[in-house]
Amino acid sequence: MNQEIKESLSAAGVNMEDAMERLMNNEMLFERLLMKFKNDSNFAGLEKALDEKNYDEAFHCAHTLKGVAGNLGMEELTNADIVVVEKLRSQNYEGLEEDIKVVREAYTKIMEILQKID
């Protein structure tokens, strides 16, 4: 992974140091996991479930997304998603549309960078 990608990920709220520490400084593993994240369907599932007002499925997708993003050091995405997870957990759906916009923004930033990785 080149330096430009690393810097872009950091600017998008990815704590590279935390991710590398968690993965025992295995950069190849980190890159492989990022490619798996690129194909992960939990964000799309979250949006679909919210559109359908299927809050149980939305919670499942949001919770899984939070865990995966957290393990990869995606702090901005994780922190935005925590708000959604906790609202869904407590069945408080007020303001979810605005909250999901914050998640979408963080997710989109990361995905745009991941599209640049071969």
PDB file of N, CA and C in Angstrom:
ATOM      1  N   MET A   1       0.863  -1.168   0.000  1.00  0.00           N
ATOM      2  CA  MET A   1       0.000   0.000   0.000  1.00  0.00           C
ATOM      3  C   MET A   1       0.907   1.227   0.000  1.00  0.00           C
ATOM      4  N   ASN A   2       0.642   2.123  -0.935  1.00  0.00           N
ATOM      5  CA  ASN A   2       1.538   3.273  -1.043  1.00  0.00           C
ATOM      6  C   ASN A   2       1.217   4.345   0.008  1.00  0.00           C
ATOM      7  N   GLN A   3       2.139   5.261   0.164  1.00  0.00           N
ATOM      8  CA  GLN A   3       2.031   6.301   1.195  1.00  0.00           C
ATOM      9  C   GLN A   3       0.804   7.194   0.967  1.00  0.00           C
ATOM     10  N   GLU A   4       0.493   7.476  -0.284  1.00  0.00           N
ATOM     11  CA  GLU A   4      -0.664   8.329  -0.593  1.00  0.00           C
ATOM     12  C   GLU A   4      -1.963   7.689  -0.082  1.00  0.00           C
ATOM     13  N   ILE A   5      -2.102   6.389  -0.269  1.00  0.00           N
ATOM     14  CA  ILE A   5      -3.288   5.672   0.209  1.00  0.00           C
ATOM     15  C   ILE A   5      -3.336   5.711   1.733  1.00  0.00           C
ATOM     16  N   LYS A   6      -2.199   5.478   2.369  1.00  0.00           N
ATOM     17  CA  LYS A   6      -2.140   5.513   3.831  1.00  0.00           C
ATOM     18  C   LYS A   6      -2.553   6.882   4.360  1.00  0.00           C
ATOM     19  N   GLU A   7      -2.024   7.928   3.738  1.00  0.00           N
ATOM     20  CA  GLU A   7      -2.369   9.284   4.167  1.00  0.00           C
ATOM     21  C   GLU A   7      -3.841   9.590   3.920  1.00  0.00           C
ATOM     22  N   SER A   8      -4.366   9.123   2.806  1.00  0.00           N
ATOM     23  CA  SER A   8      -5.783   9.327   2.513  1.00  0.00           C
ATOM     24  C   SER A   8      -6.670   8.610   3.522  1.00  0.00           C
ATOM     25  N   LEU A   9      -6.298   7.384   3.864  1.00  0.00           N
ATOM     26  CA  LEU A   9      -7.062   6.642   4.869  1.00  0.00           C
ATOM     27  C   LEU A   9      -7.028   7.363   6.213  1.00  0.00           C
ATOM     28  N   SER A  10      -5.858   7.847   6.591  1.00  0.00           N
ATOM     29  CA  SER A  10      -5.745   8.599   7.849  1.00  0.00           C
ATOM     30  C   SER A  10      -6.629   9.835   7.823  1.00  0.00           C
ATOM     31  N   ALA A  11      -6.631  10.549   6.693  1.00  0.00           N
ATOM     32  CA  ALA A  11      -7.454  11.751   6.557  1.00  0.00           C
ATOM     33  C   ALA A  11      -8.945  11.417   6.600  1.00  0.00           C
ATOM     34  N   ALA A  12      -9.297  10.177   6.240  1.00  0.00           N
ATOM     35  CA  ALA A  12     -10.699   9.741   6.253  1.00  0.00           C
ATOM     36  C   ALA A  12     -11.108   9.168   7.607  1.00  0.00           C
ATOM     37  N   GLY A  13     -10.241   9.327   8.605  1.00  0.00           N
ATOM     38  CA  GLY A  13     -10.596   8.892   9.953  1.00  0.00           C
ATOM     39  C   GLY A  13     -10.184   7.479  10.295  1.00  0.00           C
ATOM     40  N   VAL A  14      -9.221   6.932   9.543  1.00  0.00           N
ATOM     41  CA  VAL A  14      -8.715   5.592   9.856  1.00  0.00           C
ATOM     42  C   VAL A  14      -7.454   5.755  10.699  1.00  0.00           C
ATOM     43  N   ASN A  15      -7.460   5.143  11.872  1.00  0.00           N
ATOM     44  CA  ASN A  15      -6.312   5.173  12.758  1.00  0.00           C
ATOM     45  C   ASN A  15      -5.379   4.037  12.333  1.00  0.00           C
ATOM     46  N   MET A  16      -4.453   4.379  11.446  1.00  0.00           N
ATOM     47  CA  MET A  16      -3.549   3.378  10.880  1.00  0.00           C
ATOM     48  C   MET A  16      -2.697   2.713  11.966  1.00  0.00           C
ATOM     49  N   GLU A  17      -2.240   3.499  12.908  1.00  0.00           N
ATOM     50  CA  GLU A  17      -1.393   2.958  13.978  1.00  0.00           C
ATOM     51  C   GLU A  17      -2.152   1.906  14.783  1.00  0.00           C
ATOM     52  N   ASP A  18      -3.388   2.199  15.126  1.00  0.00           N
ATOM     53  CA  ASP A  18      -4.228   1.269  15.882  1.00  0.00           C
ATOM     54  C   ASP A  18      -4.485  -0.006  15.072  1.00  0.00           C
ATOM     55  N   ALA A  19      -4.807   0.172  13.796  1.00  0.00           N
ATOM     56  CA  ALA A  19      -5.076  -0.986  12.938  1.00  0.00           C
ATOM     57  C   ALA A  19      -3.830  -1.863  12.812  1.00  0.00           C
ATOM     58  N   MET A  20      -2.691  -1.244  12.597  1.00  0.00           N
ATOM     59  CA  MET A  20      -1.439  -2.002  12.447  1.00  0.00           C
ATOM     60  C   MET A  20      -1.091  -2.731  13.748  1.00  0.00           C
ATOM     61  N   GLU A  21      -1.299  -2.072  14.866  1.00  0.00           N
ATOM     62  CA  GLU A  21      -1.018  -2.710  16.148  1.00  0.00           C
ATOM     63  C   GLU A  21      -1.915  -3.931  16.337  1.00  0.00           C
ATOM     64  N   ARG A  22      -3.196  -3.780  16.007  1.00  0.00           N
ATOM     65  CA  ARG A  22      -4.151  -4.868  16.153  1.00  0.00           C
ATOM     66  C   ARG A  22      -3.771  -6.045  15.250  1.00  0.00           C
ATOM     67  N   LEU A  23      -3.173  -5.750  14.107  1.00  0.00           N
ATOM     68  CA  LEU A  23      -2.812  -6.787  13.136  1.00  0.00           C
ATOM     69  C   LEU A  23      -1.335  -7.147  13.191  1.00  0.00           C
ATOM     70  N   MET A  24      -0.694  -6.857  14.303  1.00  0.00           N
ATOM     71  CA  MET A  24       0.713  -7.182  14.533  1.00  0.00           C
ATOM     72  C   MET A  24       1.601  -6.646  13.413  1.00  0.00           C
ATOM     73  N   ASN A  25       1.302  -5.425  12.956  1.00  0.00           N
ATOM     74  CA  ASN A  25       2.064  -4.723  11.920  1.00  0.00           C
ATOM     75  C   ASN A  25       2.144  -5.479  10.597  1.00  0.00           C
ATOM     76  N   ASN A  26       1.131  -6.293  10.329  1.00  0.00           N
ATOM     77  CA  ASN A  26       1.086  -7.046   9.080  1.00  0.00           C
ATOM     78  C   ASN A  26       0.309  -6.225   8.044  1.00  0.00           C
ATOM     79  N   GLU A  27       1.033  -5.425   7.284  1.00  0.00           N
ATOM     80  CA  GLU A  27       0.407  -4.524   6.313  1.00  0.00           C
ATOM     81  C   GLU A  27      -0.309  -5.285   5.200  1.00  0.00           C
ATOM     82  N   MET A  28       0.229  -6.424   4.812  1.00  0.00           N
ATOM     83  CA  MET A  28      -0.438  -7.221   3.768  1.00  0.00           C
ATOM     84  C   MET A  28      -1.794  -7.724   4.257  1.00  0.00           C
ATOM     85  N   LEU A  29      -1.856  -8.126   5.508  1.00  0.00           N
ATOM     86  CA  LEU A  29      -3.126  -8.566   6.088  1.00  0.00           C
ATOM     87  C   LEU A  29      -4.105  -7.407   6.140  1.00  0.00           C
ATOM     88  N   PHE A  30      -3.622  -6.247   6.538  1.00  0.00           N
ATOM     89  CA  PHE A  30      -4.476  -5.057   6.591  1.00  0.00           C
ATOM     90  C   PHE A  30      -5.058  -4.758   5.208  1.00  0.00           C
ATOM     91  N   GLU A  31      -4.215  -4.816   4.201  1.00  0.00           N
ATOM     92  CA  GLU A  31      -4.681  -4.538   2.844  1.00  0.00           C
ATOM     93  C   GLU A  31      -5.705  -5.584   2.396  1.00  0.00           C
ATOM     94  N   ARG A  32      -5.453  -6.852   2.717  1.00  0.00           N
ATOM     95  CA  ARG A  32      -6.420  -7.907   2.374  1.00  0.00           C
ATOM     96  C   ARG A  32      -7.760  -7.666   3.061  1.00  0.00           C
ATOM     97  N   LEU A  33      -7.706  -7.274   4.335  1.00  0.00           N
ATOM     98  CA  LEU A  33      -8.940  -7.015   5.080  1.00  0.00           C
ATOM     99  C   LEU A  33      -9.679  -5.791   4.534  1.00  0.00           C
ATOM    100  N   LEU A  34      -8.925  -4.796   4.090  1.00  0.00           N
ATOM    101  CA  LEU A  34      -9.558  -3.633   3.469  1.00  0.00           C
ATOM    102  C   LEU A  34     -10.288  -4.041   2.190  1.00  0.00           C
ATOM    103  N   MET A  35      -9.701  -4.945   1.425  1.00  0.00           N
ATOM    104  CA  MET A  35     -10.348  -5.409   0.192  1.00  0.00           C
ATOM    105  C   MET A  35     -11.611  -6.207   0.519  1.00  0.00           C
ATOM    106  N   LYS A  36     -11.574  -6.963   1.604  1.00  0.00           N
ATOM    107  CA  LYS A  36     -12.775  -7.678   2.036  1.00  0.00           C
ATOM    108  C   LYS A  36     -13.845  -6.666   2.480  1.00  0.00           C
ATOM    109  N   PHE A  37     -13.412  -5.620   3.166  1.00  0.00           N
ATOM    110  CA  PHE A  37     -14.345  -4.581   3.604  1.00  0.00           C
ATOM    111  C   PHE A  37     -15.008  -3.930   2.396  1.00  0.00           C
ATOM    112  N   LYS A  38     -14.246  -3.735   1.341  1.00  0.00           N
ATOM    113  CA  LYS A  38     -14.772  -3.113   0.122  1.00  0.00           C
ATOM    114  C   LYS A  38     -15.963  -3.907  -0.412  1.00  0.00           C
ATOM    115  N   ASN A  39     -15.956  -5.217  -0.201  1.00  0.00           N
ATOM    116  CA  ASN A  39     -17.024  -6.091  -0.694  1.00  0.00           C
ATOM    117  C   ASN A  39     -18.059  -6.438   0.373  1.00  0.00           C
ATOM    118  N   ASP A  40     -17.904  -5.895   1.558  1.00  0.00           N
ATOM    119  CA  ASP A  40     -18.830  -6.168   2.653  1.00  0.00           C
ATOM    120  C   ASP A  40     -20.185  -5.527   2.356  1.00  0.00           C
ATOM    121  N   SER A  41     -21.245  -6.227   2.639  1.00  0.00           N
ATOM    122  CA  SER A  41     -22.589  -5.747   2.299  1.00  0.00           C
ATOM    123  C   SER A  41     -23.350  -5.141   3.475  1.00  0.00           C
ATOM    124  N   ASN A  42     -22.719  -4.992   4.615  1.00  0.00           N
ATOM    125  CA  ASN A  42     -23.459  -4.525   5.788  1.00  0.00           C
ATOM    126  C   ASN A  42     -23.956  -3.088   5.680  1.00  0.00           C
ATOM    127  N   PHE A  43     -23.190  -2.206   5.054  1.00  0.00           N
ATOM    128  CA  PHE A  43     -23.674  -0.829   4.912  1.00  0.00           C
ATOM    129  C   PHE A  43     -24.894  -0.792   3.991  1.00  0.00           C
ATOM    130  N   ALA A  44     -24.812  -1.488   2.860  1.00  0.00           N
ATOM    131  CA  ALA A  44     -25.952  -1.544   1.935  1.00  0.00           C
ATOM    132  C   ALA A  44     -27.158  -2.191   2.620  1.00  0.00           C
ATOM    133  N   GLY A  45     -26.898  -3.235   3.391  1.00  0.00           N
ATOM    134  CA  GLY A  45     -27.970  -3.898   4.133  1.00  0.00           C
ATOM    135  C   GLY A  45     -28.604  -2.983   5.163  1.00  0.00           C
ATOM    136  N   LEU A  46     -27.790  -2.175   5.811  1.00  0.00           N
ATOM    137  CA  LEU A  46     -28.293  -1.214   6.791  1.00  0.00           C
ATOM    138  C   LEU A  46     -29.223  -0.206   6.124  1.00  0.00           C
ATOM    139  N   GLU A  47     -28.785   0.357   5.018  1.00  0.00           N
ATOM    140  CA  GLU A  47     -29.619   1.340   4.322  1.00  0.00           C
ATOM    141  C   GLU A  47     -30.925   0.713   3.832  1.00  0.00           C
ATOM    142  N   LYS A  48     -30.842  -0.485   3.276  1.00  0.00           N
ATOM    143  CA  LYS A  48     -32.036  -1.170   2.780  1.00  0.00           C
ATOM    144  C   LYS A  48     -33.001  -1.461   3.931  1.00  0.00           C
ATOM    145  N   ALA A  49     -32.466  -1.979   5.029  1.00  0.00           N
ATOM    146  CA  ALA A  49     -33.318  -2.309   6.174  1.00  0.00           C
ATOM    147  C   ALA A  49     -33.977  -1.052   6.747  1.00  0.00           C
ATOM    148  N   LEU A  50     -33.245   0.047   6.803  1.00  0.00           N
ATOM    149  CA  LEU A  50     -33.842   1.293   7.299  1.00  0.00           C
ATOM    150  C   LEU A  50     -34.935   1.785   6.347  1.00  0.00           C
ATOM    151  N   ASP A  51     -34.685   1.683   5.047  1.00  0.00           N
ATOM    152  CA  ASP A  51     -35.703   2.082   4.065  1.00  0.00           C
ATOM    153  C   ASP A  51     -36.983   1.271   4.255  1.00  0.00           C
ATOM    154  N   GLU A  52     -36.816  -0.006   4.580  1.00  0.00           N
ATOM    155  CA  GLU A  52     -37.958  -0.909   4.764  1.00  0.00           C
ATOM    156  C   GLU A  52     -38.494  -0.883   6.192  1.00  0.00           C
ATOM    157  N   LYS A  53     -37.877  -0.069   7.039  1.00  0.00           N
ATOM    158  CA  LYS A  53     -38.234   0.016   8.463  1.00  0.00           C
ATOM    159  C   LYS A  53     -38.140  -1.351   9.169  1.00  0.00           C
ATOM    160  N   ASN A  54     -37.180  -2.151   8.701  1.00  0.00           N
ATOM    161  CA  ASN A  54     -36.879  -3.442   9.313  1.00  0.00           C
ATOM    162  C   ASN A  54     -35.759  -3.191  10.321  1.00  0.00           C
ATOM    163  N   TYR A  55     -36.140  -2.738  11.500  1.00  0.00           N
ATOM    164  CA  TYR A  55     -35.165  -2.264  12.477  1.00  0.00           C
ATOM    165  C   TYR A  55     -34.325  -3.382  13.086  1.00  0.00           C
ATOM    166  N   ASP A  56     -34.853  -4.591  13.144  1.00  0.00           N
ATOM    167  CA  ASP A  56     -34.042  -5.709  13.641  1.00  0.00           C
ATOM    168  C   ASP A  56     -32.879  -5.990  12.687  1.00  0.00           C
ATOM    169  N   GLU A  57     -33.186  -6.041  11.396  1.00  0.00           N
ATOM    170  CA  GLU A  57     -32.140  -6.265  10.391  1.00  0.00           C
ATOM    171  C   GLU A  57     -31.175  -5.077  10.344  1.00  0.00           C
ATOM    172  N   ALA A  58     -31.714  -3.871  10.473  1.00  0.00           N
ATOM    173  CA  ALA A  58     -30.867  -2.669  10.483  1.00  0.00           C
ATOM    174  C   ALA A  58     -29.887  -2.745  11.652  1.00  0.00           C
ATOM    175  N   PHE A  59     -30.377  -3.160  12.811  1.00  0.00           N
ATOM    176  CA  PHE A  59     -29.491  -3.287  13.978  1.00  0.00           C
ATOM    177  C   PHE A  59     -28.390  -4.309  13.701  1.00  0.00           C
ATOM    178  N   HIS A  60     -28.764  -5.444  13.152  1.00  0.00           N
ATOM    179  CA  HIS A  60     -27.775  -6.493  12.857  1.00  0.00           C
ATOM    180  C   HIS A  60     -26.684  -5.960  11.917  1.00  0.00           C
ATOM    181  N   CYS A  61     -27.092  -5.300  10.845  1.00  0.00           N
ATOM    182  CA  CYS A  61     -26.128  -4.765   9.871  1.00  0.00           C
ATOM    183  C   CYS A  61     -25.268  -3.671  10.486  1.00  0.00           C
ATOM    184  N   ALA A  62     -25.894  -2.761  11.227  1.00  0.00           N
ATOM    185  CA  ALA A  62     -25.151  -1.655  11.844  1.00  0.00           C
ATOM    186  C   ALA A  62     -24.148  -2.184  12.863  1.00  0.00           C
ATOM    187  N   HIS A  63     -24.572  -3.160  13.656  1.00  0.00           N
ATOM    188  CA  HIS A  63     -23.702  -3.723  14.683  1.00  0.00           C
ATOM    189  C   HIS A  63     -22.510  -4.440  14.059  1.00  0.00           C
ATOM    190  N   THR A  64     -22.754  -5.193  13.010  1.00  0.00           N
ATOM    191  CA  THR A  64     -21.670  -5.890  12.317  1.00  0.00           C
ATOM    192  C   THR A  64     -20.718  -4.893  11.668  1.00  0.00           C
ATOM    193  N   LEU A  65     -21.273  -3.885  11.018  1.00  0.00           N
ATOM    194  CA  LEU A  65     -20.451  -2.842  10.398  1.00  0.00           C
ATOM    195  C   LEU A  65     -19.572  -2.162  11.441  1.00  0.00           C
ATOM    196  N   LYS A  66     -20.135  -1.874  12.591  1.00  0.00           N
ATOM    197  CA  LYS A  66     -19.378  -1.234  13.676  1.00  0.00           C
ATOM    198  C   LYS A  66     -18.185  -2.092  14.086  1.00  0.00           C
ATOM    199  N   GLY A  67     -18.403  -3.378  14.228  1.00  0.00           N
ATOM    200  CA  GLY A  67     -17.329  -4.269  14.634  1.00  0.00           C
ATOM    201  C   GLY A  67     -16.219  -4.373  13.599  1.00  0.00           C
ATOM    202  N   VAL A  68     -16.608  -4.545  12.359  1.00  0.00           N
ATOM    203  CA  VAL A  68     -15.618  -4.668  11.282  1.00  0.00           C
ATOM    204  C   VAL A  68     -14.831  -3.364  11.137  1.00  0.00           C
ATOM    205  N   ALA A  69     -15.548  -2.253  11.099  1.00  0.00           N
ATOM    206  CA  ALA A  69     -14.879  -0.952  10.953  1.00  0.00           C
ATOM    207  C   ALA A  69     -13.965  -0.674  12.145  1.00  0.00           C
ATOM    208  N   GLY A  70     -14.423  -1.020  13.324  1.00  0.00           N
ATOM    209  CA  GLY A  70     -13.612  -0.811  14.523  1.00  0.00           C
ATOM    210  C   GLY A  70     -12.326  -1.614  14.491  1.00  0.00           C
ATOM    211  N   ASN A  71     -12.407  -2.858  14.046  1.00  0.00           N
ATOM    212  CA  ASN A  71     -11.214  -3.697  13.961  1.00  0.00           C
ATOM    213  C   ASN A  71     -10.214  -3.174  12.944  1.00  0.00           C
ATOM    214  N   LEU A  72     -10.691  -2.447  11.952  1.00  0.00           N
ATOM    215  CA  LEU A  72      -9.807  -1.898  10.920  1.00  0.00           C
ATOM    216  C   LEU A  72      -9.374  -0.472  11.230  1.00  0.00           C
ATOM    217  N   GLY A  73      -9.667   0.003  12.430  1.00  0.00           N
ATOM    218  CA  GLY A  73      -9.227   1.336  12.841  1.00  0.00           C
ATOM    219  C   GLY A  73     -10.012   2.469  12.215  1.00  0.00           C
ATOM    220  N   MET A  74     -11.165   2.172  11.646  1.00  0.00           N
ATOM    221  CA  MET A  74     -11.983   3.191  10.973  1.00  0.00           C
ATOM    222  C   MET A  74     -12.784   3.972  12.017  1.00  0.00           C
ATOM    223  N   GLU A  75     -12.076   4.812  12.750  1.00  0.00           N
ATOM    224  CA  GLU A  75     -12.673   5.481  13.902  1.00  0.00           C
ATOM    225  C   GLU A  75     -13.833   6.406  13.546  1.00  0.00           C
ATOM    226  N   GLU A  76     -13.692   7.179  12.487  1.00  0.00           N
ATOM    227  CA  GLU A  76     -14.766   8.104  12.116  1.00  0.00           C
ATOM    228  C   GLU A  76     -16.036   7.331  11.763  1.00  0.00           C
ATOM    229  N   LEU A  77     -15.900   6.276  10.984  1.00  0.00           N
ATOM    230  CA  LEU A  77     -17.041   5.447  10.616  1.00  0.00           C
ATOM    231  C   LEU A  77     -17.605   4.740  11.841  1.00  0.00           C
ATOM    232  N   THR A  78     -16.741   4.179  12.645  1.00  0.00           N
ATOM    233  CA  THR A  78     -17.187   3.462  13.845  1.00  0.00           C
ATOM    234  C   THR A  78     -17.956   4.386  14.773  1.00  0.00           C
ATOM    235  N   ASN A  79     -17.415   5.567  15.031  1.00  0.00           N
ATOM    236  CA  ASN A  79     -18.078   6.495  15.949  1.00  0.00           C
ATOM    237  C   ASN A  79     -19.437   6.949  15.427  1.00  0.00           C
ATOM    238  N   ALA A  80     -19.534   7.175  14.113  1.00  0.00           N
ATOM    239  CA  ALA A  80     -20.822   7.556  13.530  1.00  0.00           C
ATOM    240  C   ALA A  80     -21.808   6.396  13.636  1.00  0.00           C
ATOM    241  N   ASP A  81     -21.319   5.198  13.404  1.00  0.00           N
ATOM    242  CA  ASP A  81     -22.183   4.014  13.429  1.00  0.00           C
ATOM    243  C   ASP A  81     -22.632   3.665  14.842  1.00  0.00           C
ATOM    244  N   ILE A  82     -21.819   3.948  15.836  1.00  0.00           N
ATOM    245  CA  ILE A  82     -22.201   3.682  17.227  1.00  0.00           C
ATOM    246  C   ILE A  82     -23.508   4.400  17.564  1.00  0.00           C
ATOM    247  N   VAL A  83     -23.663   5.613  17.085  1.00  0.00           N
ATOM    248  CA  VAL A  83     -24.888   6.381  17.338  1.00  0.00           C
ATOM    249  C   VAL A  83     -26.097   5.626  16.775  1.00  0.00           C
ATOM    250  N   VAL A  84     -25.964   5.117  15.562  1.00  0.00           N
ATOM    251  CA  VAL A  84     -27.052   4.375  14.919  1.00  0.00           C
ATOM    252  C   VAL A  84     -27.325   3.075  15.670  1.00  0.00           C
ATOM    253  N   VAL A  85     -26.275   2.346  16.003  1.00  0.00           N
ATOM    254  CA  VAL A  85     -26.431   1.080  16.721  1.00  0.00           C
ATOM    255  C   VAL A  85     -27.170   1.295  18.036  1.00  0.00           C
ATOM    256  N   GLU A  86     -26.754   2.298  18.791  1.00  0.00           N
ATOM    257  CA  GLU A  86     -27.373   2.524  20.099  1.00  0.00           C
ATOM    258  C   GLU A  86     -28.828   2.979  19.978  1.00  0.00           C
ATOM    259  N   LYS A  87     -29.127   3.784  18.961  1.00  0.00           N
ATOM    260  CA  LYS A  87     -30.537   4.173  18.760  1.00  0.00           C
ATOM    261  C   LYS A  87     -31.377   2.954  18.400  1.00  0.00           C
ATOM    262  N   LEU A  88     -30.863   2.118  17.517  1.00  0.00           N
ATOM    263  CA  LEU A  88     -31.602   0.917  17.139  1.00  0.00           C
ATOM    264  C   LEU A  88     -31.741  -0.036  18.323  1.00  0.00           C
ATOM    265  N   ARG A  89     -30.692  -0.157  19.114  1.00  0.00           N
ATOM    266  CA  ARG A  89     -30.733  -1.042  20.291  1.00  0.00           C
ATOM    267  C   ARG A  89     -31.830  -0.589  21.254  1.00  0.00           C
ATOM    268  N   SER A  90     -31.964   0.715  21.432  1.00  0.00           N
ATOM    269  CA  SER A  90     -32.953   1.244  22.382  1.00  0.00           C
ATOM    270  C   SER A  90     -34.303   1.549  21.720  1.00  0.00           C
ATOM    271  N   GLN A  91     -34.427   1.183  20.448  1.00  0.00           N
ATOM    272  CA  GLN A  91     -35.646   1.399  19.673  1.00  0.00           C
ATOM    273  C   GLN A  91     -36.057   2.871  19.637  1.00  0.00           C
ATOM    274  N   ASN A  92     -35.054   3.725  19.561  1.00  0.00           N
ATOM    275  CA  ASN A  92     -35.266   5.167  19.432  1.00  0.00           C
ATOM    276  C   ASN A  92     -34.933   5.529  17.987  1.00  0.00           C
ATOM    277  N   TYR A  93     -35.953   5.675  17.162  1.00  0.00           N
ATOM    278  CA  TYR A  93     -35.739   5.882  15.732  1.00  0.00           C
ATOM    279  C   TYR A  93     -35.745   7.357  15.341  1.00  0.00           C
ATOM    280  N   GLU A  94     -35.890   8.211  16.322  1.00  0.00           N
ATOM    281  CA  GLU A  94     -35.913   9.648  16.067  1.00  0.00           C
ATOM    282  C   GLU A  94     -34.534  10.130  15.609  1.00  0.00           C
ATOM    283  N   GLY A  95     -34.510  10.821  14.484  1.00  0.00           N
ATOM    284  CA  GLY A  95     -33.260  11.381  13.980  1.00  0.00           C
ATOM    285  C   GLY A  95     -32.359  10.394  13.259  1.00  0.00           C
ATOM    286  N   LEU A  96     -32.850   9.170  13.040  1.00  0.00           N
ATOM    287  CA  LEU A  96     -32.015   8.159  12.374  1.00  0.00           C
ATOM    288  C   LEU A  96     -31.616   8.588  10.968  1.00  0.00           C
ATOM    289  N   GLU A  97     -32.489   9.291  10.269  1.00  0.00           N
ATOM    290  CA  GLU A  97     -32.162   9.726   8.905  1.00  0.00           C
ATOM    291  C   GLU A  97     -30.923  10.613   8.899  1.00  0.00           C
ATOM    292  N   GLU A  98     -30.841  11.520   9.852  1.00  0.00           N
ATOM    293  CA  GLU A  98     -29.657  12.387   9.946  1.00  0.00           C
ATOM    294  C   GLU A  98     -28.431  11.595  10.389  1.00  0.00           C
ATOM    295  N   ASP A  99     -28.627  10.678  11.297  1.00  0.00           N
ATOM    296  CA  ASP A  99     -27.503   9.871  11.796  1.00  0.00           C
ATOM    297  C   ASP A  99     -26.919   8.990  10.695  1.00  0.00           C
ATOM    298  N   ILE A 100     -27.781   8.429   9.857  1.00  0.00           N
ATOM    299  CA  ILE A 100     -27.288   7.557   8.794  1.00  0.00           C
ATOM    300  C   ILE A 100     -26.543   8.374   7.742  1.00  0.00           C
ATOM    301  N   LYS A 101     -26.882   9.643   7.592  1.00  0.00           N
ATOM    302  CA  LYS A 101     -26.144  10.507   6.661  1.00  0.00           C
ATOM    303  C   LYS A 101     -24.691  10.651   7.098  1.00  0.00           C
ATOM    304  N   VAL A 102     -24.465  10.749   8.399  1.00  0.00           N
ATOM    305  CA  VAL A 102     -23.101  10.869   8.932  1.00  0.00           C
ATOM    306  C   VAL A 102     -22.339   9.567   8.683  1.00  0.00           C
ATOM    307  N   VAL A 103     -23.014   8.446   8.894  1.00  0.00           N
ATOM    308  CA  VAL A 103     -22.393   7.146   8.620  1.00  0.00           C
ATOM    309  C   VAL A 103     -22.069   7.039   7.134  1.00  0.00           C
ATOM    310  N   ARG A 104     -23.018   7.413   6.291  1.00  0.00           N
ATOM    311  CA  ARG A 104     -22.822   7.324   4.836  1.00  0.00           C
ATOM    312  C   ARG A 104     -21.630   8.170   4.391  1.00  0.00           C
ATOM    313  N   GLU A 105     -21.512   9.351   4.952  1.00  0.00           N
ATOM    314  CA  GLU A 105     -20.404  10.237   4.586  1.00  0.00           C
ATOM    315  C   GLU A 105     -19.056   9.601   4.935  1.00  0.00           C
ATOM    316  N   ALA A 106     -18.941   9.073   6.140  1.00  0.00           N
ATOM    317  CA  ALA A 106     -17.690   8.430   6.571  1.00  0.00           C
ATOM    318  C   ALA A 106     -17.409   7.182   5.737  1.00  0.00           C
ATOM    319  N   TYR A 107     -18.444   6.410   5.482  1.00  0.00           N
ATOM    320  CA  TYR A 107     -18.307   5.189   4.683  1.00  0.00           C
ATOM    321  C   TYR A 107     -17.866   5.517   3.256  1.00  0.00           C
ATOM    322  N   THR A 108     -18.484   6.517   2.670  1.00  0.00           N
ATOM    323  CA  THR A 108     -18.176   6.906   1.292  1.00  0.00           C
ATOM    324  C   THR A 108     -16.733   7.376   1.158  1.00  0.00           C
ATOM    325  N   LYS A 109     -16.259   8.142   2.127  1.00  0.00           N
ATOM    326  CA  LYS A 109     -14.856   8.596   2.092  1.00  0.00           C
ATOM    327  C   LYS A 109     -13.905   7.405   2.032  1.00  0.00           C
ATOM    328  N   ILE A 110     -14.159   6.424   2.862  1.00  0.00           N
ATOM    329  CA  ILE A 110     -13.291   5.254   2.905  1.00  0.00           C
ATOM    330  C   ILE A 110     -13.394   4.463   1.606  1.00  0.00           C
ATOM    331  N   MET A 111     -14.611   4.260   1.128  1.00  0.00           N
ATOM    332  CA  MET A 111     -14.801   3.472  -0.079  1.00  0.00           C
ATOM    333  C   MET A 111     -14.145   4.114  -1.299  1.00  0.00           C
ATOM    334  N   GLU A 112     -14.178   5.423  -1.374  1.00  0.00           N
ATOM    335  CA  GLU A 112     -13.517   6.121  -2.495  1.00  0.00           C
ATOM    336  C   GLU A 112     -12.021   5.842  -2.492  1.00  0.00           C
ATOM    337  N   ILE A 113     -11.439   5.779  -1.324  1.00  0.00           N
ATOM    338  CA  ILE A 113     -10.001   5.473  -1.217  1.00  0.00           C
ATOM    339  C   ILE A 113      -9.736   4.007  -1.570  1.00  0.00           C
ATOM    340  N   LEU A 114     -10.570   3.121  -1.075  1.00  0.00           N
ATOM    341  CA  LEU A 114     -10.367   1.702  -1.336  1.00  0.00           C
ATOM    342  C   LEU A 114     -10.489   1.365  -2.822  1.00  0.00           C
ATOM    343  N   GLN A 115     -11.251   2.133  -3.550  1.00  0.00           N
ATOM    344  CA  GLN A 115     -11.375   1.899  -5.001  1.00  0.00           C
ATOM    345  C   GLN A 115     -10.038   2.139  -5.710  1.00  0.00           C
ATOM    346  N   LYS A 116      -9.146   2.890  -5.095  1.00  0.00           N
ATOM    347  CA  LYS A 116      -7.852   3.200  -5.694  1.00  0.00           C
ATOM    348  C   LYS A 116      -6.798   2.114  -5.449  1.00  0.00           C
ATOM    349  N   ILE A 117      -7.105   1.186  -4.558  1.00  0.00           N
ATOM    350  CA  ILE A 117      -6.155   0.105  -4.237  1.00  0.00           C
ATOM    351  C   ILE A 117      -6.383  -1.025  -5.222  1.00  0.00           C
ATOM    352  N   ASP A 118      -5.290  -1.490  -5.820  1.00  0.00           N
ATOM    353  CA  ASP A 118      -5.399  -2.591  -6.799  1.00  0.00           C
ATOM    354  C   ASP A 118      -5.749  -3.886  -6.122  1.00  0.00           C
TER     355      ASP A 118
END
